[in-house]
Amino acid sequence: AGVTTGDASWLLGGKPSDKPAGYGMGLSGVYATTVLVVLILYPL
C-alpha cells in the first residue's frame, strides 16, 4: 500500500472504508505473494 498508493494508514488502525479505490492486485500477484510468503517462512 505504501509503494502503490503512498498511504498505508488505513491498514495501521484506520478505518477499512478509507481503502483507496483500485487498491489490490490480480490473481497472478496473489499467487506470487503466496509463493513469496511460503519461501520466506520456510527457514523460520
All heavy atoms as atom14 arrays in JSON, in Angstrom:
{
  "sequence": "AGVTTGDASWLLGGKPSDKPAGYGMGLSGVYATTVLVVLILYPL",
  "atom14_mask": [
    [1, 1, 1, 1, 1, 0, 0, 0, 0, 0, 0, 0, 0, 0],
    [1, 1, 1, 1, 0, 0, 0, 0, 0, 0, 0, 0, 0, 0],
    [1, 1, 1, 1, 1, 1, 1, 0, 0, 0, 0, 0, 0, 0],
    [1, 1, 1, 1, 1, 1, 1, 0, 0, 0, 0, 0, 0, 0],
    [1, 1, 1, 1, 1, 1, 1, 0, 0, 0, 0, 0, 0, 0],
    [1, 1, 1, 1, 0, 0, 0, 0, 0, 0, 0, 0, 0, 0],
    [1, 1, 1, 1, 1, 1, 1, 1, 0, 0, 0, 0, 0, 0],
    [1, 1, 1, 1, 1, 0, 0, 0, 0, 0, 0, 0, 0, 0],
    [1, 1, 1, 1, 1, 1, 0, 0, 0, 0, 0, 0, 0, 0],
    [1, 1, 1, 1, 1, 1, 1, 1, 1, 1, 1, 1, 1, 1],
    [1, 1, 1, 1, 1, 1, 1, 1, 0, 0, 0, 0, 0, 0],
    [1, 1, 1, 1, 1, 1, 1, 1, 0, 0, 0, 0, 0, 0],
    [1, 1, 1, 1, 0, 0, 0, 0, 0, 0, 0, 0, 0, 0],
    [1, 1, 1, 1, 0, 0, 0, 0, 0, 0, 0, 0, 0, 0],
    [1, 1, 1, 1, 1, 1, 1, 1, 1, 0, 0, 0, 0, 0],
    [1, 1, 1, 1, 1, 1, 1, 0, 0, 0, 0, 0, 0, 0],
    [1, 1, 1, 1, 1, 1, 0, 0, 0, 0, 0, 0, 0, 0],
    [1, 1, 1, 1, 1, 1, 1, 1, 0, 0, 0, 0, 0, 0],
    [1, 1, 1, 1, 1, 1, 1, 1, 1, 0, 0, 0, 0, 0],
    [1, 1, 1, 1, 1, 1, 1, 0, 0, 0, 0, 0, 0, 0],
    [1, 1, 1, 1, 1, 0, 0, 0, 0, 0, 0, 0, 0, 0],
    [1, 1, 1, 1, 0, 0, 0, 0, 0, 0, 0, 0, 0, 0],
    [1, 1, 1, 1, 1, 1, 1, 1, 1, 1, 1, 1, 0, 0],
    [1, 1, 1, 1, 0, 0, 0, 0, 0, 0, 0, 0, 0, 0],
    [1, 1, 1, 1, 1, 1, 1, 1, 0, 0, 0, 0, 0, 0],
    [1, 1, 1, 1, 0, 0, 0, 0, 0, 0, 0, 0, 0, 0],
    [1, 1, 1, 1, 1, 1, 1, 1, 0, 0, 0, 0, 0, 0],
    [1, 1, 1, 1, 1, 1, 0, 0, 0, 0, 0, 0, 0, 0],
    [1, 1, 1, 1, 0, 0, 0, 0, 0, 0, 0, 0, 0, 0],
    [1, 1, 1, 1, 1, 1, 1, 0, 0, 0, 0, 0, 0, 0],
    [1, 1, 1, 1, 1, 1, 1, 1, 1, 1, 1, 1, 0, 0],
    [1, 1, 1, 1, 1, 0, 0, 0, 0, 0, 0, 0, 0, 0],
    [1, 1, 1, 1, 1, 1, 1, 0, 0, 0, 0, 0, 0, 0],
    [1, 1, 1, 1, 1, 1, 1, 0, 0, 0, 0, 0, 0, 0],
    [1, 1, 1, 1, 1, 1, 1, 0, 0, 0, 0, 0, 0, 0],
    [1, 1, 1, 1, 1, 1, 1, 1, 0, 0, 0, 0, 0, 0],
    [1, 1, 1, 1, 1, 1, 1, 0, 0, 0, 0, 0, 0, 0],
    [1, 1, 1, 1, 1, 1, 1, 0, 0, 0, 0, 0, 0, 0],
    [1, 1, 1, 1, 1, 1, 1, 1, 0, 0, 0, 0, 0, 0],
    [1, 1, 1, 1, 1, 1, 1, 1, 0, 0, 0, 0, 0, 0],
    [1, 1, 1, 1, 1, 1, 1, 1, 0, 0, 0, 0, 0, 0],
    [1, 1, 1, 1, 1, 1, 1, 1, 1, 1, 1, 1, 0, 0],
    [1, 1, 1, 1, 1, 1, 1, 0, 0, 0, 0, 0, 0, 0],
    [1, 1, 1, 1, 1, 1, 1, 1, 0, 0, 0, 0, 0, 0]
  ],
  "atom14_positions": [
    [[0.84, -1.2, 0.0], [0.0, 0.0, 0.0], [0.87, 1.25, 0.0], [0.55, 2.23, -0.68], [-0.93, 0.0, 1.21], [0.0, 0.0, 0.0], [0.0, 0.0, 0.0], [0.0, 0.0, 0.0], [0.0, 0.0, 0.0], [0.0, 0.0, 0.0], [0.0, 0.0, 0.0], [0.0, 0.0, 0.0], [0.0, 0.0, 0.0], [0.0, 0.0, 0.0]],
    [[1.96, 1.22, 0.74], [2.84, 2.37, 0.77], [3.48, 2.65, -0.58], [3.62, 3.79, -1.0], [0.0, 0.0, 0.0], [0.0, 0.0, 0.0], [0.0, 0.0, 0.0], [0.0, 0.0, 0.0], [0.0, 0.0, 0.0], [0.0, 0.0, 0.0], [0.0, 0.0, 0.0], [0.0, 0.0, 0.0], [0.0, 0.0, 0.0], [0.0, 0.0, 0.0]],
    [[3.85, 1.59, -1.29], [4.5, 1.75, -2.59], [3.5, 2.15, -3.68], [3.77, 3.02, -4.5], [5.24, 0.44, -2.99], [5.67, 0.47, -4.43], [6.43, 0.21, -2.08], [0.0, 0.0, 0.0], [0.0, 0.0, 0.0], [0.0, 0.0, 0.0], [0.0, 0.0, 0.0], [0.0, 0.0, 0.0], [0.0, 0.0, 0.0], [0.0, 0.0, 0.0]],
    [[2.33, 1.5, -3.69], [1.38, 1.74, -4.78], [0.52, 2.98, -4.59], [0.18, 3.65, -5.57], [0.46, 0.52, -4.99], [-0.24, 0.25, -3.77], [1.25, -0.68, -5.42], [0.0, 0.0, 0.0], [0.0, 0.0, 0.0], [0.0, 0.0, 0.0], [0.0, 0.0, 0.0], [0.0, 0.0, 0.0], [0.0, 0.0, 0.0], [0.0, 0.0, 0.0]],
    [[0.13, 3.27, -3.34], [-0.77, 4.41, -3.12], [-0.12, 5.54, -2.34], [-0.67, 6.63, -2.29], [-2.04, 3.97, -2.37], [-1.68, 3.54, -1.06], [-2.76, 2.86, -3.11], [0.0, 0.0, 0.0], [0.0, 0.0, 0.0], [0.0, 0.0, 0.0], [0.0, 0.0, 0.0], [0.0, 0.0, 0.0], [0.0, 0.0, 0.0], [0.0, 0.0, 0.0]],
    [[0.99, 5.27, -1.69], [1.66, 6.29, -0.89], [1.07, 6.46, 0.49], [1.54, 7.27, 1.27], [0.0, 0.0, 0.0], [0.0, 0.0, 0.0], [0.0, 0.0, 0.0], [0.0, 0.0, 0.0], [0.0, 0.0, 0.0], [0.0, 0.0, 0.0], [0.0, 0.0, 0.0], [0.0, 0.0, 0.0], [0.0, 0.0, 0.0], [0.0, 0.0, 0.0]],
    [[0.03, 5.7, 0.82], [-0.61, 5.84, 2.13], [-1.08, 4.47, 2.6], [-1.88, 3.82, 1.93], [-1.8, 6.79, 2.05], [-2.51, 6.94, 3.38], [-1.83, 6.88, 4.42], [-3.74, 7.13, 3.36], [0.0, 0.0, 0.0], [0.0, 0.0, 0.0], [0.0, 0.0, 0.0], [0.0, 0.0, 0.0], [0.0, 0.0, 0.0], [0.0, 0.0, 0.0]],
    [[-0.58, 4.04, 3.75], [-0.99, 2.76, 4.32], [-1.65, 2.94, 5.67], [-1.8, 1.98, 6.42], [0.21, 1.84, 4.43], [0.0, 0.0, 0.0], [0.0, 0.0, 0.0], [0.0, 0.0, 0.0], [0.0, 0.0, 0.0], [0.0, 0.0, 0.0], [0.0, 0.0, 0.0], [0.0, 0.0, 0.0], [0.0, 0.0, 0.0], [0.0, 0.0, 0.0]],
    [[-2.07, 4.16, 5.98], [-2.63, 4.43, 7.31], [-3.92, 3.64, 7.55], [-4.21, 3.28, 8.69], [-2.89, 5.92, 7.47], [-3.83, 6.37, 6.52], [0.0, 0.0, 0.0], [0.0, 0.0, 0.0], [0.0, 0.0, 0.0], [0.0, 0.0, 0.0], [0.0, 0.0, 0.0], [0.0, 0.0, 0.0], [0.0, 0.0, 0.0], [0.0, 0.0, 0.0]],
    [[-4.66, 3.37, 6.52], [-5.91, 2.62, 6.69], [-5.64, 1.17, 7.07], [-6.52, 0.49, 7.61], [-6.77, 2.7, 5.43], [-6.09, 2.17, 4.22], [-5.22, 2.83, 3.4], [-6.21, 0.86, 3.69], [-4.79, 2.02, 2.39], [-5.38, 0.79, 2.55], [-6.93, -0.27, 4.06], [-5.25, -0.36, 1.78], [-6.81, -1.41, 3.3], [-5.98, -1.45, 2.18]],
    [[-4.41, 0.69, 6.87], [-4.03, -0.66, 7.31], [-3.42, -0.66, 8.7], [-3.19, -1.71, 9.28], [-3.02, -1.26, 6.33], [-3.57, -1.73, 5.0], [-2.45, -2.04, 4.03], [-4.46, -2.93, 5.19], [0.0, 0.0, 0.0], [0.0, 0.0, 0.0], [0.0, 0.0, 0.0], [0.0, 0.0, 0.0], [0.0, 0.0, 0.0], [0.0, 0.0, 0.0]],
    [[-3.15, 0.51, 9.23], [-2.49, 0.63, 10.53], [-3.39, 1.28, 11.56], [-3.0, 2.19, 12.28], [-1.19, 1.44, 10.38], [-0.18, 0.86, 9.41], [0.94, 1.85, 9.15], [0.37, -0.44, 9.96], [0.0, 0.0, 0.0], [0.0, 0.0, 0.0], [0.0, 0.0, 0.0], [0.0, 0.0, 0.0], [0.0, 0.0, 0.0], [0.0, 0.0, 0.0]],
    [[-4.6, 0.83, 11.63], [-5.52, 1.33, 12.63], [-6.58, 2.28, 12.1], [-7.44, 2.7, 12.84], [0.0, 0.0, 0.0], [0.0, 0.0, 0.0], [0.0, 0.0, 0.0], [0.0, 0.0, 0.0], [0.0, 0.0, 0.0], [0.0, 0.0, 0.0], [0.0, 0.0, 0.0], [0.0, 0.0, 0.0], [0.0, 0.0, 0.0], [0.0, 0.0, 0.0]],
    [[-6.49, 2.62, 10.86], [-7.52, 3.47, 10.27], [-8.79, 2.67, 9.98], [-8.89, 1.5, 10.28], [0.0, 0.0, 0.0], [0.0, 0.0, 0.0], [0.0, 0.0, 0.0], [0.0, 0.0, 0.0], [0.0, 0.0, 0.0], [0.0, 0.0, 0.0], [0.0, 0.0, 0.0], [0.0, 0.0, 0.0], [0.0, 0.0, 0.0], [0.0, 0.0, 0.0]],
    [[-9.74, 3.33, 9.38], [-10.99, 2.65, 9.03], [-10.81, 1.89, 7.71], [-10.22, 2.41, 6.77], [-12.11, 3.66, 8.89], [-12.46, 4.37, 10.19], [-13.6, 5.31, 9.99], [-13.08, 6.52, 9.23], [-14.02, 7.59, 9.07], [0.0, 0.0, 0.0], [0.0, 0.0, 0.0], [0.0, 0.0, 0.0], [0.0, 0.0, 0.0], [0.0, 0.0, 0.0]],
    [[-11.33, 0.66, 7.63], [-11.24, -0.08, 6.37], [-11.93, 0.65, 5.22], [-11.59, 0.44, 4.06], [-11.93, -1.4, 6.67], [-11.89, -1.54, 8.15], [-11.9, -0.15, 8.7], [0.0, 0.0, 0.0], [0.0, 0.0, 0.0], [0.0, 0.0, 0.0], [0.0, 0.0, 0.0], [0.0, 0.0, 0.0], [0.0, 0.0, 0.0], [0.0, 0.0, 0.0]],
    [[-12.88, 1.51, 5.52], [-13.58, 2.24, 4.45], [-12.67, 3.28, 3.81], [-13.01, 3.84, 2.77], [-14.84, 2.9, 5.0], [-14.49, 3.82, 6.03], [0.0, 0.0, 0.0], [0.0, 0.0, 0.0], [0.0, 0.0, 0.0], [0.0, 0.0, 0.0], [0.0, 0.0, 0.0], [0.0, 0.0, 0.0], [0.0, 0.0, 0.0], [0.0, 0.0, 0.0]],
    [[-11.52, 3.55, 4.43], [-10.57, 4.52, 3.87], [-9.69, 3.91, 2.77], [-8.83, 4.59, 2.23], [-9.66, 5.07, 4.97], [-10.43, 5.89, 5.99], [-11.53, 6.36, 5.64], [-9.93, 6.05, 7.11], [0.0, 0.0, 0.0], [0.0, 0.0, 0.0], [0.0, 0.0, 0.0], [0.0, 0.0, 0.0], [0.0, 0.0, 0.0], [0.0, 0.0, 0.0]],
    [[-9.91, 2.65, 2.47], [-9.11, 1.97, 1.45], [-9.25, 2.69, 0.12], [-10.36, 2.98, -0.32], [-9.56, 0.52, 1.3], [-8.79, -0.26, 0.27], [-9.24, -1.71, 0.22], [-10.37, -1.84, -0.75], [-10.7, -3.19, -1.12], [0.0, 0.0, 0.0], [0.0, 0.0, 0.0], [0.0, 0.0, 0.0], [0.0, 0.0, 0.0], [0.0, 0.0, 0.0]],
    [[-8.12, 3.0, -0.52], [-8.19, 3.71, -1.81], [-8.85, 2.86, -2.9], [-8.71, 1.64, -2.9], [-6.73, 3.97, -2.17], [-5.93, 3.63, -0.97], [-6.76, 2.78, -0.09], [0.0, 0.0, 0.0], [0.0, 0.0, 0.0], [0.0, 0.0, 0.0], [0.0, 0.0, 0.0], [0.0, 0.0, 0.0], [0.0, 0.0, 0.0], [0.0, 0.0, 0.0]],
    [[-9.55, 3.51, -3.78], [-10.17, 2.8, -4.9], [-9.08, 2.21, -5.78], [-8.07, 2.84, -6.05], [-11.04, 3.76, -5.7], [0.0, 0.0, 0.0], [0.0, 0.0, 0.0], [0.0, 0.0, 0.0], [0.0, 0.0, 0.0], [0.0, 0.0, 0.0], [0.0, 0.0, 0.0], [0.0, 0.0, 0.0], [0.0, 0.0, 0.0], [0.0, 0.0, 0.0]],
    [[-9.29, 1.0, -6.21], [-8.34, 0.35, -7.11], [-7.18, -0.32, -6.4], [-6.28, -0.84, -7.05], [0.0, 0.0, 0.0], [0.0, 0.0, 0.0], [0.0, 0.0, 0.0], [0.0, 0.0, 0.0], [0.0, 0.0, 0.0], [0.0, 0.0, 0.0], [0.0, 0.0, 0.0], [0.0, 0.0, 0.0], [0.0, 0.0, 0.0], [0.0, 0.0, 0.0]],
    [[-7.17, -0.31, -5.07], [-6.08, -0.96, -4.35], [-6.22, -2.47, -4.49], [-7.3, -3.02, -4.37], [-6.1, -0.58, -2.87], [-5.13, -1.37, -2.03], [-3.79, -1.08, -2.05], [-5.56, -2.44, -1.26], [-2.88, -1.8, -1.3], [-4.67, -3.17, -0.5], [-3.34, -2.84, -0.53], [-2.44, -3.57, 0.21], [0.0, 0.0, 0.0], [0.0, 0.0, 0.0]],
    [[-5.13, -3.13, -4.75], [-5.13, -4.58, -4.84], [-4.24, -5.05, -5.96], [-3.5, -4.28, -6.57], [0.0, 0.0, 0.0], [0.0, 0.0, 0.0], [0.0, 0.0, 0.0], [0.0, 0.0, 0.0], [0.0, 0.0, 0.0], [0.0, 0.0, 0.0], [0.0, 0.0, 0.0], [0.0, 0.0, 0.0], [0.0, 0.0, 0.0], [0.0, 0.0, 0.0]],
    [[-4.32, -6.34, -6.23], [-3.52, -6.93, -7.29], [-4.32, -8.05, -7.94], [-5.3, -8.53, -7.38], [-2.19, -7.46, -6.74], [-2.32, -8.52, -5.69], [-0.76, -9.18, -5.07], [-0.08, -7.83, -4.21], [0.0, 0.0, 0.0], [0.0, 0.0, 0.0], [0.0, 0.0, 0.0], [0.0, 0.0, 0.0], [0.0, 0.0, 0.0], [0.0, 0.0, 0.0]],
    [[-3.87, -8.45, -9.09], [-4.54, -9.51, -9.82], [-4.22, -10.89, -9.26], [-3.44, -11.03, -8.31], [0.0, 0.0, 0.0], [0.0, 0.0, 0.0], [0.0, 0.0, 0.0], [0.0, 0.0, 0.0], [0.0, 0.0, 0.0], [0.0, 0.0, 0.0], [0.0, 0.0, 0.0], [0.0, 0.0, 0.0], [0.0, 0.0, 0.0], [0.0, 0.0, 0.0]],
    [[-4.8, -11.89, -9.87], [-4.63, -13.25, -9.4], [-3.17, -13.7, -9.48], [-2.68, -14.37, -8.57], [-5.52, -14.2, -10.2], [-5.59, -15.64, -9.71], [-6.08, -15.7, -8.27], [-6.5, -16.45, -10.61], [0.0, 0.0, 0.0], [0.0, 0.0, 0.0], [0.0, 0.0, 0.0], [0.0, 0.0, 0.0], [0.0, 0.0, 0.0], [0.0, 0.0, 0.0]],
    [[-2.47, -13.31, -10.52], [-1.06, -13.69, -10.62], [-0.24, -13.05, -9.5], [0.69, -13.66, -8.98], [-0.5, -13.3, -11.98], [-0.6, -11.91, -12.18], [0.0, 0.0, 0.0], [0.0, 0.0, 0.0], [0.0, 0.0, 0.0], [0.0, 0.0, 0.0], [0.0, 0.0, 0.0], [0.0, 0.0, 0.0], [0.0, 0.0, 0.0], [0.0, 0.0, 0.0]],
    [[-0.58, -11.84, -9.1], [0.08, -11.21, -7.97], [-0.19, -11.92, -6.66], [0.69, -12.03, -5.81], [0.0, 0.0, 0.0], [0.0, 0.0, 0.0], [0.0, 0.0, 0.0], [0.0, 0.0, 0.0], [0.0, 0.0, 0.0], [0.0, 0.0, 0.0], [0.0, 0.0, 0.0], [0.0, 0.0, 0.0], [0.0, 0.0, 0.0], [0.0, 0.0, 0.0]],
    [[-1.42, -12.39, -6.51], [-1.77, -13.14, -5.3], [-0.98, -14.45, -5.25], [-0.45, -14.83, -4.2], [-3.29, -13.41, -5.24], [-3.64, -14.34, -4.1], [-4.05, -12.1, -5.11], [0.0, 0.0, 0.0], [0.0, 0.0, 0.0], [0.0, 0.0, 0.0], [0.0, 0.0, 0.0], [0.0, 0.0, 0.0], [0.0, 0.0, 0.0], [0.0, 0.0, 0.0]],
    [[-0.88, -15.15, -6.39], [-0.1, -16.39, -6.43], [1.37, -16.11, -6.14], [2.02, -16.86, -5.4], [-0.24, -17.08, -7.78], [-1.56, -17.76, -8.0], [-2.08, -17.91, -9.27], [-2.3, -18.26, -6.94], [-3.28, -18.55, -9.49], [-3.52, -18.88, -7.14], [-4.0, -19.03, -8.42], [-5.2, -19.66, -8.62], [0.0, 0.0, 0.0], [0.0, 0.0, 0.0]],
    [[1.91, -15.05, -6.7], [3.32, -14.7, -6.45], [3.54, -14.36, -4.98], [4.56, -14.76, -4.39], [3.73, -13.53, -7.34], [0.0, 0.0, 0.0], [0.0, 0.0, 0.0], [0.0, 0.0, 0.0], [0.0, 0.0, 0.0], [0.0, 0.0, 0.0], [0.0, 0.0, 0.0], [0.0, 0.0, 0.0], [0.0, 0.0, 0.0], [0.0, 0.0, 0.0]],
    [[2.6, -13.66, -4.38], [2.7, -13.34, -2.96], [2.63, -14.6, -2.1], [3.37, -14.73, -1.11], [1.59, -12.36, -2.55], [1.66, -11.2, -3.38], [1.7, -11.96, -1.1], [0.0, 0.0, 0.0], [0.0, 0.0, 0.0], [0.0, 0.0, 0.0], [0.0, 0.0, 0.0], [0.0, 0.0, 0.0], [0.0, 0.0, 0.0], [0.0, 0.0, 0.0]],
    [[1.78, -15.53, -2.48], [1.68, -16.8, -1.75], [3.01, -17.54, -1.77], [3.49, -18.02, -0.75], [0.57, -17.67, -2.35], [-0.67, -16.97, -2.27], [0.46, -19.0, -1.62], [0.0, 0.0, 0.0], [0.0, 0.0, 0.0], [0.0, 0.0, 0.0], [0.0, 0.0, 0.0], [0.0, 0.0, 0.0], [0.0, 0.0, 0.0], [0.0, 0.0, 0.0]],
    [[3.62, -17.63, -2.95], [4.91, -18.3, -3.07], [5.97, -17.56, -2.25], [6.78, -18.18, -1.55], [5.32, -18.41, -4.56], [6.75, -18.87, -4.71], [4.38, -19.34, -5.3], [0.0, 0.0, 0.0], [0.0, 0.0, 0.0], [0.0, 0.0, 0.0], [0.0, 0.0, 0.0], [0.0, 0.0, 0.0], [0.0, 0.0, 0.0], [0.0, 0.0, 0.0]],
    [[5.96, -16.25, -2.31], [6.91, -15.44, -1.55], [6.78, -15.68, -0.05], [7.78, -15.86, 0.66], [6.72, -13.96, -1.87], [7.63, -12.99, -1.13], [9.07, -13.16, -1.61], [7.16, -11.57, -1.34], [0.0, 0.0, 0.0], [0.0, 0.0, 0.0], [0.0, 0.0, 0.0], [0.0, 0.0, 0.0], [0.0, 0.0, 0.0], [0.0, 0.0, 0.0]],
    [[5.55, -15.7, 0.45], [5.31, -15.91, 1.88], [5.81, -17.29, 2.3], [6.48, -17.44, 3.33], [3.81, -15.72, 2.22], [3.48, -16.25, 3.59], [3.44, -14.26, 2.11], [0.0, 0.0, 0.0], [0.0, 0.0, 0.0], [0.0, 0.0, 0.0], [0.0, 0.0, 0.0], [0.0, 0.0, 0.0], [0.0, 0.0, 0.0], [0.0, 0.0, 0.0]],
    [[5.51, -18.31, 1.51], [5.95, -19.66, 1.85], [7.48, -19.75, 1.84], [8.08, -20.34, 2.74], [5.32, -20.69, 0.89], [5.94, -22.07, 1.07], [3.81, -20.77, 1.12], [0.0, 0.0, 0.0], [0.0, 0.0, 0.0], [0.0, 0.0, 0.0], [0.0, 0.0, 0.0], [0.0, 0.0, 0.0], [0.0, 0.0, 0.0], [0.0, 0.0, 0.0]],
    [[8.12, -19.15, 0.86], [9.58, -19.18, 0.79], [10.23, -18.41, 1.93], [11.27, -18.83, 2.45], [10.06, -18.64, -0.56], [9.76, -19.51, -1.77], [10.19, -18.81, -3.05], [10.41, -20.87, -1.65], [0.0, 0.0, 0.0], [0.0, 0.0, 0.0], [0.0, 0.0, 0.0], [0.0, 0.0, 0.0], [0.0, 0.0, 0.0], [0.0, 0.0, 0.0]],
    [[9.65, -17.3, 2.32], [10.19, -16.53, 3.44], [10.03, -17.28, 4.75], [10.93, -17.29, 5.6], [9.53, -15.14, 3.53], [9.99, -14.27, 2.35], [9.84, -14.45, 4.84], [9.25, -12.95, 2.25], [0.0, 0.0, 0.0], [0.0, 0.0, 0.0], [0.0, 0.0, 0.0], [0.0, 0.0, 0.0], [0.0, 0.0, 0.0], [0.0, 0.0, 0.0]],
    [[8.89, -17.94, 4.94], [8.62, -18.6, 6.21], [9.28, -19.96, 6.35], [9.4, -20.48, 7.46], [7.11, -18.73, 6.43], [6.38, -17.43, 6.73], [4.91, -17.68, 6.94], [6.98, -16.73, 7.93], [0.0, 0.0, 0.0], [0.0, 0.0, 0.0], [0.0, 0.0, 0.0], [0.0, 0.0, 0.0], [0.0, 0.0, 0.0], [0.0, 0.0, 0.0]],
    [[9.74, -20.55, 5.24], [10.35, -21.89, 5.34], [11.55, -21.92, 6.29], [11.6, -22.78, 7.17], [10.73, -22.42, 3.96], [11.42, -23.76, 4.05], [10.69, -24.9, 4.34], [12.79, -23.87, 3.89], [11.31, -26.12, 4.46], [13.42, -25.09, 4.0], [12.68, -26.21, 4.28], [13.29, -27.43, 4.4], [0.0, 0.0, 0.0], [0.0, 0.0, 0.0]],
    [[12.54, -21.03, 6.15], [13.67, -21.1, 7.09], [13.25, -20.86, 8.55], [13.79, -21.49, 9.46], [14.62, -19.99, 6.63], [14.17, -19.61, 5.28], [12.74, -19.99, 5.14], [0.0, 0.0, 0.0], [0.0, 0.0, 0.0], [0.0, 0.0, 0.0], [0.0, 0.0, 0.0], [0.0, 0.0, 0.0], [0.0, 0.0, 0.0], [0.0, 0.0, 0.0]],
    [[12.29, -19.99, 8.76], [11.8, -19.76, 10.12], [11.12, -21.01, 10.69], [11.34, -21.36, 11.84], [10.82, -18.58, 10.14], [11.4, -17.22, 9.77], [10.29, -16.2, 9.65], [12.43, -16.79, 10.77], [0.0, 0.0, 0.0], [0.0, 0.0, 0.0], [0.0, 0.0, 0.0], [0.0, 0.0, 0.0], [0.0, 0.0, 0.0], [0.0, 0.0, 0.0]]
  ]
}
